[in-house]
Amino acid sequence: MLKNQSETLTGVTVLQVGVAWKTSGGGRKGLGGFIKRQIGTDLDLACIALTGTDPKRLCWFDNLDAFDNGSLLSGGDNRTGKAAGDDETITARLDEIPAQIDTLVFVVSAFKKGVSFSNVEGITLNVYDGGPGGRLLGSDMPTIRPNGNACVVARAKRQPSGWEITVLNEMDNASSKDQLLQVGQRYAA
């Protein structure tokens, strides 16, 4: 998957988006860097569900089941970045997402106190067909820059023929839940 390239999700009814990250020593050498790597880094994957540019639900560590029907689920909060494979995932059962929802914006953020992208050596975005016999549809390594604390990794849009996903890989800022919703609005179109 390439930045700004859209892929039609033909035959995909369960979309799974995962992010993995590797904690760095934050530029520290020796024992300080070792300890920082052992503690880990708490990034958060979120999905903003929108109608047009109006946010309707936020799926993340604080709201694991956005619609209370299993159609948009967070896999929970990894606070270290030390999971095997993806550190955090969000699963969207595309055929069960309420009909008025036409956009899902996926954002990985570092907005908690003391956390920043300088604490990670890199992020990997993975997009899967989460249905039976699921497979990796694609992956991307977003460019991490110090000019923001939120990386808008991807957007899924409902089209007349089904859903399509676009890798965005754009840095932004979100220091609160409200600002995270605003990021979703900016990247809904």
C-alpha atoms as a PDB file:
ATOM      1  CA  MET A   1       0.000   0.000   0.000  1.00  0.00           C
ATOM      2  CA  LEU A   2       1.346   3.388  -0.969  1.00  0.00           C
ATOM      3  CA  LYS A   3       0.577   6.814   0.460  1.00  0.00           C
ATOM      4  CA  ASN A   4      -2.542   8.372  -1.096  1.00  0.00           C
ATOM      5  CA  GLN A   5      -3.288   5.213  -3.069  1.00  0.00           C
ATOM      6  CA  SER A   6      -6.814   3.857  -2.625  1.00  0.00           C
ATOM      7  CA  GLU A   7      -7.509   0.122  -2.588  1.00  0.00           C
ATOM      8  CA  THR A   8     -11.005  -1.273  -3.056  1.00  0.00           C
ATOM      9  CA  LEU A   9     -11.855  -3.784  -0.349  1.00  0.00           C
ATOM     10  CA  THR A  10     -13.600  -6.222  -2.699  1.00  0.00           C
ATOM     11  CA  GLY A  11     -14.897  -9.227  -0.781  1.00  0.00           C
ATOM     12  CA  VAL A  12     -13.630  -7.896   2.550  1.00  0.00           C
ATOM     13  CA  THR A  13     -16.359  -7.833   5.209  1.00  0.00           C
ATOM     14  CA  VAL A  14     -14.052  -7.614   8.231  1.00  0.00           C
ATOM     15  CA  LEU A  15     -11.339  -4.963   8.048  1.00  0.00           C
ATOM     16  CA  GLN A  16      -8.638  -5.100  10.675  1.00  0.00           C
ATOM     17  CA  VAL A  17      -6.146  -2.260  11.099  1.00  0.00           C
ATOM     18  CA  GLY A  18      -3.167  -2.835  13.343  1.00  0.00           C
ATOM     19  CA  VAL A  19      -0.187  -0.766  14.397  1.00  0.00           C
ATOM     20  CA  ALA A  20       3.080  -1.921  15.843  1.00  0.00           C
ATOM     21  CA  TRP A  21       5.802   0.262  17.253  1.00  0.00           C
ATOM     22  CA  LYS A  22       9.260  -0.178  18.666  1.00  0.00           C
ATOM     23  CA  THR A  23      10.280   1.820  21.712  1.00  0.00           C
ATOM     24  CA  SER A  24      13.575   3.665  21.484  1.00  0.00           C
ATOM     25  CA  GLY A  25      15.913   4.788  24.207  1.00  0.00           C
ATOM     26  CA  GLY A  26      14.934   8.382  23.400  1.00  0.00           C
ATOM     27  CA  GLY A  27      18.495   9.234  22.420  1.00  0.00           C
ATOM     28  CA  ARG A  28      19.832   8.039  25.758  1.00  0.00           C
ATOM     29  CA  LYS A  29      22.756   5.648  25.900  1.00  0.00           C
ATOM     30  CA  GLY A  30      23.654   3.102  28.520  1.00  0.00           C
ATOM     31  CA  LEU A  31      21.432   2.357  31.481  1.00  0.00           C
ATOM     32  CA  GLY A  32      19.068   5.322  30.855  1.00  0.00           C
ATOM     33  CA  GLY A  33      18.275   4.154  27.321  1.00  0.00           C
ATOM     34  CA  PHE A  34      17.950   0.541  28.467  1.00  0.00           C
ATOM     35  CA  ILE A  35      15.451   1.514  31.167  1.00  0.00           C
ATOM     36  CA  LYS A  36      13.438   3.669  28.747  1.00  0.00           C
ATOM     37  CA  ARG A  37      13.208   0.748  26.293  1.00  0.00           C
ATOM     38  CA  GLN A  38      12.172  -1.614  29.104  1.00  0.00           C
ATOM     39  CA  ILE A  39       9.387   0.718  30.268  1.00  0.00           C
ATOM     40  CA  GLY A  40       8.039   1.038  26.722  1.00  0.00           C
ATOM     41  CA  THR A  41       5.917   3.680  25.039  1.00  0.00           C
ATOM     42  CA  ASP A  42       2.134   4.111  25.219  1.00  0.00           C
ATOM     43  CA  LEU A  43       0.790   5.081  21.808  1.00  0.00           C
ATOM     44  CA  ASP A  44      -2.921   4.753  21.059  1.00  0.00           C
ATOM     45  CA  LEU A  45      -4.715   3.598  17.923  1.00  0.00           C
ATOM     46  CA  ALA A  46      -8.102   5.236  17.450  1.00  0.00           C
ATOM     47  CA  CYS A  47     -10.790   5.144  14.794  1.00  0.00           C
ATOM     48  CA  ILE A  48     -13.127   8.070  14.266  1.00  0.00           C
ATOM     49  CA  ALA A  49     -16.402   7.046  12.607  1.00  0.00           C
ATOM     50  CA  LEU A  50     -17.969   9.888  10.636  1.00  0.00           C
ATOM     51  CA  THR A  51     -20.959  10.835   8.533  1.00  0.00           C
ATOM     52  CA  GLY A  52     -19.531  13.309   6.055  1.00  0.00           C
ATOM     53  CA  THR A  53     -17.252  15.374   8.286  1.00  0.00           C
ATOM     54  CA  ASP A  54     -19.388  14.935  11.416  1.00  0.00           C
ATOM     55  CA  PRO A  55     -17.775  12.589  13.960  1.00  0.00           C
ATOM     56  CA  LYS A  56     -20.329  10.135  15.362  1.00  0.00           C
ATOM     57  CA  ARG A  57     -18.226   7.681  17.393  1.00  0.00           C
ATOM     58  CA  LEU A  58     -14.674   7.239  18.637  1.00  0.00           C
ATOM     59  CA  CYS A  59     -13.287   3.725  19.008  1.00  0.00           C
ATOM     60  CA  TRP A  60     -10.168   3.472  21.165  1.00  0.00           C
ATOM     61  CA  PHE A  61      -8.861   2.315  24.560  1.00  0.00           C
ATOM     62  CA  ASP A  62     -11.635   4.202  26.403  1.00  0.00           C
ATOM     63  CA  ASN A  63     -14.499   2.989  24.168  1.00  0.00           C
ATOM     64  CA  LEU A  64     -13.744  -0.545  23.005  1.00  0.00           C
ATOM     65  CA  ASP A  65     -17.098  -1.161  21.237  1.00  0.00           C
ATOM     66  CA  ALA A  66     -18.002   2.110  19.496  1.00  0.00           C
ATOM     67  CA  PHE A  67     -21.552   1.162  18.423  1.00  0.00           C
ATOM     68  CA  ASP A  68     -22.248  -1.408  21.172  1.00  0.00           C
ATOM     69  CA  ASN A  69     -22.944  -4.030  18.510  1.00  0.00           C
ATOM     70  CA  GLY A  70     -19.475  -5.409  17.744  1.00  0.00           C
ATOM     71  CA  SER A  71     -19.194  -3.610  14.403  1.00  0.00           C
ATOM     72  CA  LEU A  72     -16.264  -1.368  15.427  1.00  0.00           C
ATOM     73  CA  LEU A  73     -13.998  -2.824  18.115  1.00  0.00           C
ATOM     74  CA  SER A  74     -10.705  -1.836  19.707  1.00  0.00           C
ATOM     75  CA  GLY A  75      -8.459  -4.712  20.753  1.00  0.00           C
ATOM     76  CA  GLY A  76      -7.492  -2.796  23.890  1.00  0.00           C
ATOM     77  CA  ASP A  77      -4.688  -0.600  25.151  1.00  0.00           C
ATOM     78  CA  ASN A  78      -1.067  -1.732  24.872  1.00  0.00           C
ATOM     79  CA  ARG A  79       0.952   0.599  27.080  1.00  0.00           C
ATOM     80  CA  THR A  80       4.431  -0.612  26.190  1.00  0.00           C
ATOM     81  CA  GLY A  81       4.752  -1.369  22.466  1.00  0.00           C
ATOM     82  CA  LYS A  82       6.071  -4.812  23.344  1.00  0.00           C
ATOM     83  CA  ALA A  83       3.344  -7.065  21.923  1.00  0.00           C
ATOM     84  CA  ALA A  84       4.183  -9.810  19.474  1.00  0.00           C
ATOM     85  CA  GLY A  85       2.994  -8.522  16.102  1.00  0.00           C
ATOM     86  CA  ASP A  86       0.589  -5.588  16.227  1.00  0.00           C
ATOM     87  CA  ASP A  87       0.535  -3.636  19.472  1.00  0.00           C
ATOM     88  CA  GLU A  88      -3.017  -2.339  18.990  1.00  0.00           C
ATOM     89  CA  THR A  89      -5.773  -3.263  16.546  1.00  0.00           C
ATOM     90  CA  ILE A  90      -9.185  -2.030  15.518  1.00  0.00           C
ATOM     91  CA  THR A  91     -11.629  -4.359  13.793  1.00  0.00           C
ATOM     92  CA  ALA A  92     -14.449  -3.036  11.599  1.00  0.00           C
ATOM     93  CA  ARG A  93     -17.209  -5.426  10.502  1.00  0.00           C
ATOM     94  CA  LEU A  94     -17.959  -3.383   7.424  1.00  0.00           C
ATOM     95  CA  ASP A  95     -21.361  -4.930   6.679  1.00  0.00           C
ATOM     96  CA  GLU A  96     -22.524  -4.168  10.247  1.00  0.00           C
ATOM     97  CA  ILE A  97     -21.290  -0.552  10.522  1.00  0.00           C
ATOM     98  CA  PRO A  98     -24.442   1.643  10.696  1.00  0.00           C
ATOM     99  CA  ALA A  99     -25.504   2.750   7.199  1.00  0.00           C
ATOM    100  CA  GLN A 100     -25.153   6.480   7.945  1.00  0.00           C
ATOM    101  CA  ILE A 101     -21.409   6.040   8.710  1.00  0.00           C
ATOM    102  CA  ASP A 102     -19.461   6.640   5.500  1.00  0.00           C
ATOM    103  CA  THR A 103     -15.907   7.212   6.750  1.00  0.00           C
ATOM    104  CA  LEU A 104     -13.512   5.622   9.234  1.00  0.00           C
ATOM    105  CA  VAL A 105     -10.307   7.558  10.002  1.00  0.00           C
ATOM    106  CA  PHE A 106      -7.528   5.630  11.756  1.00  0.00           C
ATOM    107  CA  VAL A 107      -5.074   7.648  13.873  1.00  0.00           C
ATOM    108  CA  VAL A 108      -2.164   6.594  16.066  1.00  0.00           C
ATOM    109  CA  SER A 109      -1.420   9.201  18.715  1.00  0.00           C
ATOM    110  CA  ALA A 110       1.056  10.048  21.436  1.00  0.00           C
ATOM    111  CA  PHE A 111      -0.957  12.581  23.390  1.00  0.00           C
ATOM    112  CA  LYS A 112      -0.580  11.268  26.919  1.00  0.00           C
ATOM    113  CA  LYS A 113       1.713  13.239  29.220  1.00  0.00           C
ATOM    114  CA  GLY A 114       5.369  12.390  28.718  1.00  0.00           C
ATOM    115  CA  VAL A 115       4.785  10.415  25.502  1.00  0.00           C
ATOM    116  CA  SER A 116       5.907  11.522  22.059  1.00  0.00           C
ATOM    117  CA  PHE A 117       6.935  10.016  18.762  1.00  0.00           C
ATOM    118  CA  SER A 118      10.546  10.669  19.784  1.00  0.00           C
ATOM    119  CA  ASN A 119      10.033   7.677  22.116  1.00  0.00           C
ATOM    120  CA  VAL A 120       9.610   5.286  19.168  1.00  0.00           C
ATOM    121  CA  GLU A 121      11.978   4.103  16.466  1.00  0.00           C
ATOM    122  CA  GLY A 122       9.156   3.539  14.004  1.00  0.00           C
ATOM    123  CA  ILE A 123       5.562   2.548  13.453  1.00  0.00           C
ATOM    124  CA  THR A 124       4.209  -0.106  11.120  1.00  0.00           C
ATOM    125  CA  LEU A 125       0.629   0.025   9.854  1.00  0.00           C
ATOM    126  CA  ASN A 126      -0.906  -3.308   8.833  1.00  0.00           C
ATOM    127  CA  VAL A 127      -4.237  -3.726   7.055  1.00  0.00           C
ATOM    128  CA  TYR A 128      -5.851  -7.172   7.080  1.00  0.00           C
ATOM    129  CA  ASP A 129      -8.836  -8.993   5.692  1.00  0.00           C
ATOM    130  CA  GLY A 130     -10.028 -10.076   9.124  1.00  0.00           C
ATOM    131  CA  GLY A 131     -12.544 -12.609   7.823  1.00  0.00           C
ATOM    132  CA  PRO A 132     -12.127 -16.394   7.615  1.00  0.00           C
ATOM    133  CA  GLY A 133      -8.791 -17.224   6.028  1.00  0.00           C
ATOM    134  CA  GLY A 134      -7.863 -13.557   6.502  1.00  0.00           C
ATOM    135  CA  ARG A 135      -4.708 -12.207   5.001  1.00  0.00           C
ATOM    136  CA  LEU A 136      -2.488  -9.171   5.119  1.00  0.00           C
ATOM    137  CA  LEU A 137      -3.788  -6.737   2.489  1.00  0.00           C
ATOM    138  CA  GLY A 138      -0.891  -4.346   2.849  1.00  0.00           C
ATOM    139  CA  SER A 139       1.368  -2.481   5.196  1.00  0.00           C
ATOM    140  CA  ASP A 140       3.082   0.879   5.419  1.00  0.00           C
ATOM    141  CA  MET A 141       5.686   2.518   7.614  1.00  0.00           C
ATOM    142  CA  PRO A 142       4.399   6.025   8.325  1.00  0.00           C
ATOM    143  CA  THR A 143       6.943   8.811   8.381  1.00  0.00           C
ATOM    144  CA  ILE A 144       7.300   9.996  11.965  1.00  0.00           C
ATOM    145  CA  ARG A 145       8.158  13.653  12.342  1.00  0.00           C
ATOM    146  CA  PRO A 146       8.632  15.712  15.504  1.00  0.00           C
ATOM    147  CA  ASN A 147       6.072  18.291  14.316  1.00  0.00           C
ATOM    148  CA  GLY A 148       3.035  16.433  15.630  1.00  0.00           C
ATOM    149  CA  ASN A 149       1.755  13.911  18.124  1.00  0.00           C
ATOM    150  CA  ALA A 150      -0.823  12.211  15.911  1.00  0.00           C
ATOM    151  CA  CYS A 151      -0.241  10.261  12.714  1.00  0.00           C
ATOM    152  CA  VAL A 152      -3.317   9.869  10.512  1.00  0.00           C
ATOM    153  CA  VAL A 153      -2.471   6.455   9.106  1.00  0.00           C
ATOM    154  CA  ALA A 154      -5.481   5.515   6.957  1.00  0.00           C
ATOM    155  CA  ARG A 155      -9.050   6.301   5.919  1.00  0.00           C
ATOM    156  CA  ALA A 156     -11.756   3.834   4.872  1.00  0.00           C
ATOM    157  CA  LYS A 157     -14.644   5.269   2.830  1.00  0.00           C
ATOM    158  CA  ARG A 158     -17.945   3.690   1.929  1.00  0.00           C
ATOM    159  CA  GLN A 159     -18.477   3.810  -1.834  1.00  0.00           C
ATOM    160  CA  PRO A 160     -21.495   2.675  -3.882  1.00  0.00           C
ATOM    161  CA  SER A 161     -19.582  -0.511  -4.759  1.00  0.00           C
ATOM    162  CA  GLY A 162     -18.326  -1.143  -1.193  1.00  0.00           C
ATOM    163  CA  TRP A 163     -15.513   0.174   0.985  1.00  0.00           C
ATOM    164  CA  GLU A 164     -12.076   1.405  -0.052  1.00  0.00           C
ATOM    165  CA  ILE A 165      -9.054   2.223   2.064  1.00  0.00           C
ATOM    166  CA  THR A 166      -6.386   4.886   1.533  1.00  0.00           C
ATOM    167  CA  VAL A 167      -3.074   5.137   3.373  1.00  0.00           C
ATOM    168  CA  LEU A 168      -2.695   8.807   4.409  1.00  0.00           C
ATOM    169  CA  ASN A 169       0.492   8.913   6.495  1.00  0.00           C
ATOM    170  CA  GLU A 170       0.018  12.530   7.638  1.00  0.00           C
ATOM    171  CA  MET A 171       1.222  14.114  10.871  1.00  0.00           C
ATOM    172  CA  ASP A 172      -1.144  16.287  12.895  1.00  0.00           C
ATOM    173  CA  ASN A 173      -1.727  17.344  16.508  1.00  0.00           C
ATOM    174  CA  ALA A 174      -4.193  15.994  19.036  1.00  0.00           C
ATOM    175  CA  SER A 175      -3.673  16.687  22.746  1.00  0.00           C
ATOM    176  CA  SER A 176      -7.216  15.738  23.810  1.00  0.00           C
ATOM    177  CA  LYS A 177     -10.188  13.632  22.786  1.00  0.00           C
ATOM    178  CA  ASP A 178     -11.833  16.695  21.200  1.00  0.00           C
ATOM    179  CA  GLN A 179      -8.719  17.436  19.140  1.00  0.00           C
ATOM    180  CA  LEU A 180      -8.594  13.790  18.034  1.00  0.00           C
ATOM    181  CA  LEU A 181     -12.163  14.148  16.726  1.00  0.00           C
ATOM    182  CA  GLN A 182     -11.118  17.335  14.893  1.00  0.00           C
ATOM    183  CA  VAL A 183      -8.239  15.438  13.253  1.00  0.00           C
ATOM    184  CA  GLY A 184     -10.811  12.894  12.057  1.00  0.00           C
ATOM    185  CA  GLN A 185     -12.908  15.699  10.587  1.00  0.00           C
ATOM    186  CA  ARG A 186      -9.945  17.183   8.694  1.00  0.00           C
ATOM    187  CA  TYR A 187      -9.105  13.861   7.045  1.00  0.00           C
ATOM    188  CA  ALA A 188     -12.646  12.623   6.360  1.00  0.00           C
ATOM    189  CA  ALA A 189     -12.787  14.040   2.829  1.00  0.00           C
END
